[in-house]
Amino acid sequence: MLLPSIFGEDLFDDWMMDFPFRGNGSANLMRTDVKETDNSYELDMDMPGFDKGDIKAELKNGYLTISASSNRNNDEKDKDGKYIRRERYTGSCSRSFYVGDDVKQEDIKAKFENGILKVTVPKKEEKPAVEENKYISIEG
């Protein structure tokens, strides 16, 4: 046991058990707000702890996929000693959004600032389907 116990229990045991992904911090990753404007959809995605180089965006078959990978869980020793526990996220995560088959990669804009990825996806005008009259031939 790394921490002193109080009344025979570890102080942080119950506190850590309340989190669904305890210890790796992934519960709050990639939370996304989607806003519709007149001309576009705007996504604000929380990506704390990631650098711009850790994030990739890909458009394939009408799906915009945002993925990120981080490896900061090193057992490094600094001048003050060795870390016993480090609670920084290590791993990868991704989210996909259907944006339509008419959206082109060059039309999507993305900016990463202060741990938030802002993605703007333009709206494409829907082409009304031309209804073709089909008649059944009548014999007689």
C-alpha atoms as a PDB file:
ATOM      1  CA  MET A   1       0.000   0.000   0.000  1.00  0.00           C
ATOM      2  CA  LEU A   2       1.450   3.323  -1.074  1.00  0.00           C
ATOM      3  CA  LEU A   3      -0.716   5.641   0.986  1.00  0.00           C
ATOM      4  CA  PRO A   4      -1.337   5.588   4.722  1.00  0.00           C
ATOM      5  CA  SER A   5      -4.657   4.080   5.656  1.00  0.00           C
ATOM      6  CA  ILE A   6      -7.288   5.641   7.851  1.00  0.00           C
ATOM      7  CA  PHE A   7      -9.327   3.231   9.975  1.00  0.00           C
ATOM      8  CA  GLY A   8      -7.893   0.272   8.067  1.00  0.00           C
ATOM      9  CA  GLU A   9      -8.965   1.525   4.638  1.00  0.00           C
ATOM     10  CA  ASP A  10      -6.955   3.203   1.951  1.00  0.00           C
ATOM     11  CA  LEU A  11      -8.127   6.804   1.658  1.00  0.00           C
ATOM     12  CA  PHE A  12      -8.381   6.720  -2.147  1.00  0.00           C
ATOM     13  CA  ASP A  13      -9.797   3.207  -2.705  1.00  0.00           C
ATOM     14  CA  ASP A  14     -13.478   4.195  -2.675  1.00  0.00           C
ATOM     15  CA  TRP A  15     -12.817   7.455  -4.478  1.00  0.00           C
ATOM     16  CA  MET A  16     -11.044   5.712  -7.354  1.00  0.00           C
ATOM     17  CA  MET A  17     -13.714   3.001  -7.623  1.00  0.00           C
ATOM     18  CA  ASP A  18     -16.323   5.627  -8.572  1.00  0.00           C
ATOM     19  CA  PHE A  19     -14.654   6.196 -11.946  1.00  0.00           C
ATOM     20  CA  PRO A  20     -15.549   3.827 -14.801  1.00  0.00           C
ATOM     21  CA  PHE A  21     -12.019   3.896 -16.266  1.00  0.00           C
ATOM     22  CA  ARG A  22     -10.049   4.427 -13.120  1.00  0.00           C
ATOM     23  CA  GLY A  23      -6.425   5.344 -13.375  1.00  0.00           C
ATOM     24  CA  ASN A  24      -6.174   6.154 -17.079  1.00  0.00           C
ATOM     25  CA  GLY A  25      -8.318   9.292 -17.268  1.00  0.00           C
ATOM     26  CA  SER A  26     -10.222   8.226 -20.371  1.00  0.00           C
ATOM     27  CA  ALA A  27     -13.698   9.021 -19.018  1.00  0.00           C
ATOM     28  CA  ASN A  28     -13.455  12.670 -20.069  1.00  0.00           C
ATOM     29  CA  LEU A  29     -11.770  12.204 -23.426  1.00  0.00           C
ATOM     30  CA  MET A  30     -13.272  13.370 -26.685  1.00  0.00           C
ATOM     31  CA  ARG A  31     -16.445  14.850 -25.252  1.00  0.00           C
ATOM     32  CA  THR A  32     -17.984  16.631 -28.212  1.00  0.00           C
ATOM     33  CA  ASP A  33     -20.402  19.497 -28.748  1.00  0.00           C
ATOM     34  CA  VAL A  34     -21.978  19.710 -32.218  1.00  0.00           C
ATOM     35  CA  LYS A  35     -23.515  22.999 -33.307  1.00  0.00           C
ATOM     36  CA  GLU A  36     -25.467  23.602 -36.509  1.00  0.00           C
ATOM     37  CA  THR A  37     -25.110  26.983 -38.225  1.00  0.00           C
ATOM     38  CA  ASP A  38     -26.644  28.191 -41.477  1.00  0.00           C
ATOM     39  CA  ASN A  39     -23.689  26.998 -43.562  1.00  0.00           C
ATOM     40  CA  SER A  40     -21.892  24.374 -41.494  1.00  0.00           C
ATOM     41  CA  TYR A  41     -21.681  22.018 -38.558  1.00  0.00           C
ATOM     42  CA  GLU A  42     -19.149  22.917 -35.867  1.00  0.00           C
ATOM     43  CA  LEU A  43     -17.634  20.291 -33.578  1.00  0.00           C
ATOM     44  CA  ASP A  44     -15.837  21.257 -30.364  1.00  0.00           C
ATOM     45  CA  MET A  45     -14.020  18.220 -29.015  1.00  0.00           C
ATOM     46  CA  ASP A  46     -12.283  18.155 -25.613  1.00  0.00           C
ATOM     47  CA  MET A  47      -8.833  16.603 -25.970  1.00  0.00           C
ATOM     48  CA  PRO A  48      -6.917  17.469 -22.798  1.00  0.00           C
ATOM     49  CA  GLY A  49      -3.365  16.205 -22.554  1.00  0.00           C
ATOM     50  CA  PHE A  50      -2.918  15.730 -26.291  1.00  0.00           C
ATOM     51  CA  ASP A  51      -0.610  17.689 -28.565  1.00  0.00           C
ATOM     52  CA  LYS A  52      -1.476  18.715 -32.120  1.00  0.00           C
ATOM     53  CA  GLY A  53       0.850  15.994 -33.441  1.00  0.00           C
ATOM     54  CA  ASP A  54      -1.050  13.303 -31.487  1.00  0.00           C
ATOM     55  CA  ILE A  55      -4.312  13.988 -33.367  1.00  0.00           C
ATOM     56  CA  LYS A  56      -5.340  12.727 -36.802  1.00  0.00           C
ATOM     57  CA  ALA A  57      -8.505  13.457 -38.806  1.00  0.00           C
ATOM     58  CA  GLU A  58      -9.586  11.282 -41.728  1.00  0.00           C
ATOM     59  CA  LEU A  59     -12.548  11.411 -44.107  1.00  0.00           C
ATOM     60  CA  LYS A  60     -13.501   8.074 -45.621  1.00  0.00           C
ATOM     61  CA  ASN A  61     -16.791   6.843 -47.111  1.00  0.00           C
ATOM     62  CA  GLY A  62     -18.679   9.827 -45.712  1.00  0.00           C
ATOM     63  CA  TYR A  63     -17.367   9.342 -42.149  1.00  0.00           C
ATOM     64  CA  LEU A  64     -15.122  11.862 -40.426  1.00  0.00           C
ATOM     65  CA  THR A  65     -12.941   9.991 -37.931  1.00  0.00           C
ATOM     66  CA  ILE A  66     -10.923  11.853 -35.309  1.00  0.00           C
ATOM     67  CA  SER A  67      -8.301   9.749 -33.540  1.00  0.00           C
ATOM     68  CA  ALA A  68      -5.599  10.517 -31.008  1.00  0.00           C
ATOM     69  CA  SER A  69      -2.774   8.558 -29.467  1.00  0.00           C
ATOM     70  CA  SER A  70      -0.635   9.428 -26.466  1.00  0.00           C
ATOM     71  CA  ASN A  71       2.153   7.647 -24.620  1.00  0.00           C
ATOM     72  CA  ARG A  72       3.149   9.647 -21.575  1.00  0.00           C
ATOM     73  CA  ASN A  73       3.263   6.842 -19.033  1.00  0.00           C
ATOM     74  CA  ASN A  74       7.045   6.559 -18.683  1.00  0.00           C
ATOM     75  CA  ASP A  75       8.770   5.473 -15.518  1.00  0.00           C
ATOM     76  CA  GLU A  76      11.119   8.420 -15.562  1.00  0.00           C
ATOM     77  CA  LYS A  77      13.195   9.667 -12.711  1.00  0.00           C
ATOM     78  CA  ASP A  78      13.718  13.373 -12.266  1.00  0.00           C
ATOM     79  CA  LYS A  79      16.081  15.203  -9.927  1.00  0.00           C
ATOM     80  CA  ASP A  80      13.625  14.847  -7.027  1.00  0.00           C
ATOM     81  CA  GLY A  81      13.072  11.091  -7.332  1.00  0.00           C
ATOM     82  CA  LYS A  82      11.124   8.412  -9.160  1.00  0.00           C
ATOM     83  CA  TYR A  83       7.373   8.654  -9.779  1.00  0.00           C
ATOM     84  CA  ILE A  84       5.354   6.080  -7.859  1.00  0.00           C
ATOM     85  CA  ARG A  85       2.062   6.827  -9.609  1.00  0.00           C
ATOM     86  CA  ARG A  86       1.307   8.957 -12.668  1.00  0.00           C
ATOM     87  CA  GLU A  87      -2.299   9.616 -13.615  1.00  0.00           C
ATOM     88  CA  ARG A  88      -1.959  10.862 -17.170  1.00  0.00           C
ATOM     89  CA  TYR A  89      -3.807   9.240 -20.031  1.00  0.00           C
ATOM     90  CA  THR A  90      -1.842   6.786 -22.134  1.00  0.00           C
ATOM     91  CA  GLY A  91      -3.405   5.052 -25.091  1.00  0.00           C
ATOM     92  CA  SER A  92      -5.526   5.842 -28.101  1.00  0.00           C
ATOM     93  CA  CYS A  93      -9.106   6.881 -28.721  1.00  0.00           C
ATOM     94  CA  SER A  94     -11.289   7.775 -31.684  1.00  0.00           C
ATOM     95  CA  ARG A  95     -14.733   9.053 -32.634  1.00  0.00           C
ATOM     96  CA  SER A  96     -16.505   8.906 -35.985  1.00  0.00           C
ATOM     97  CA  PHE A  97     -19.238  11.152 -37.356  1.00  0.00           C
ATOM     98  CA  TYR A  98     -21.235  10.653 -40.528  1.00  0.00           C
ATOM     99  CA  VAL A  99     -20.913  13.859 -42.566  1.00  0.00           C
ATOM    100  CA  GLY A 100     -22.230  12.644 -45.923  1.00  0.00           C
ATOM    101  CA  ASP A 101     -20.735  11.401 -49.149  1.00  0.00           C
ATOM    102  CA  ASP A 102     -20.716  14.839 -50.815  1.00  0.00           C
ATOM    103  CA  VAL A 103     -18.297  16.446 -48.337  1.00  0.00           C
ATOM    104  CA  LYS A 104     -14.722  16.717 -49.599  1.00  0.00           C
ATOM    105  CA  GLN A 105     -11.640  16.533 -47.387  1.00  0.00           C
ATOM    106  CA  GLU A 106     -10.384  19.955 -48.510  1.00  0.00           C
ATOM    107  CA  ASP A 107     -13.673  21.580 -47.388  1.00  0.00           C
ATOM    108  CA  ILE A 108     -13.262  20.496 -43.744  1.00  0.00           C
ATOM    109  CA  LYS A 109     -11.340  22.900 -41.495  1.00  0.00           C
ATOM    110  CA  ALA A 110      -9.770  21.961 -38.151  1.00  0.00           C
ATOM    111  CA  LYS A 111      -7.947  23.938 -35.459  1.00  0.00           C
ATOM    112  CA  PHE A 112      -6.432  22.702 -32.186  1.00  0.00           C
ATOM    113  CA  GLU A 113      -6.074  25.234 -29.394  1.00  0.00           C
ATOM    114  CA  ASN A 114      -5.983  25.007 -25.585  1.00  0.00           C
ATOM    115  CA  GLY A 115      -6.881  21.304 -25.552  1.00  0.00           C
ATOM    116  CA  ILE A 116      -9.952  21.759 -27.772  1.00  0.00           C
ATOM    117  CA  LEU A 117     -10.184  20.563 -31.364  1.00  0.00           C
ATOM    118  CA  LYS A 118     -12.557  22.722 -33.421  1.00  0.00           C
ATOM    119  CA  VAL A 119     -13.745  21.141 -36.664  1.00  0.00           C
ATOM    120  CA  THR A 120     -15.958  22.894 -39.215  1.00  0.00           C
ATOM    121  CA  VAL A 121     -17.808  20.739 -41.734  1.00  0.00           C
ATOM    122  CA  PRO A 122     -19.665  22.656 -44.461  1.00  0.00           C
ATOM    123  CA  LYS A 123     -23.254  21.811 -45.245  1.00  0.00           C
ATOM    124  CA  LYS A 124     -23.840  20.581 -48.739  1.00  0.00           C
ATOM    125  CA  GLU A 125     -27.060  21.451 -50.488  1.00  0.00           C
ATOM    126  CA  GLU A 126     -29.228  18.450 -50.860  1.00  0.00           C
ATOM    127  CA  LYS A 127     -30.186  17.845 -54.428  1.00  0.00           C
ATOM    128  CA  PRO A 128     -33.885  17.184 -54.629  1.00  0.00           C
ATOM    129  CA  ALA A 129     -34.573  13.815 -56.080  1.00  0.00           C
ATOM    130  CA  VAL A 130     -36.307  14.153 -59.402  1.00  0.00           C
ATOM    131  CA  GLU A 131     -39.321  11.977 -59.248  1.00  0.00           C
ATOM    132  CA  GLU A 132     -39.764  10.104 -62.435  1.00  0.00           C
ATOM    133  CA  ASN A 133     -43.268   9.138 -63.381  1.00  0.00           C
ATOM    134  CA  LYS A 134     -43.493   5.474 -64.093  1.00  0.00           C
ATOM    135  CA  TYR A 135     -46.598   4.158 -65.688  1.00  0.00           C
ATOM    136  CA  ILE A 136     -47.784   0.650 -66.067  1.00  0.00           C
ATOM    137  CA  SER A 137     -48.780  -0.122 -69.596  1.00  0.00           C
ATOM    138  CA  ILE A 138     -52.365  -1.177 -69.967  1.00  0.00           C
ATOM    139  CA  GLU A 139     -53.174  -3.689 -72.621  1.00  0.00           C
ATOM    140  CA  GLY A 140     -56.460  -4.039 -74.317  1.00  0.00           C
END
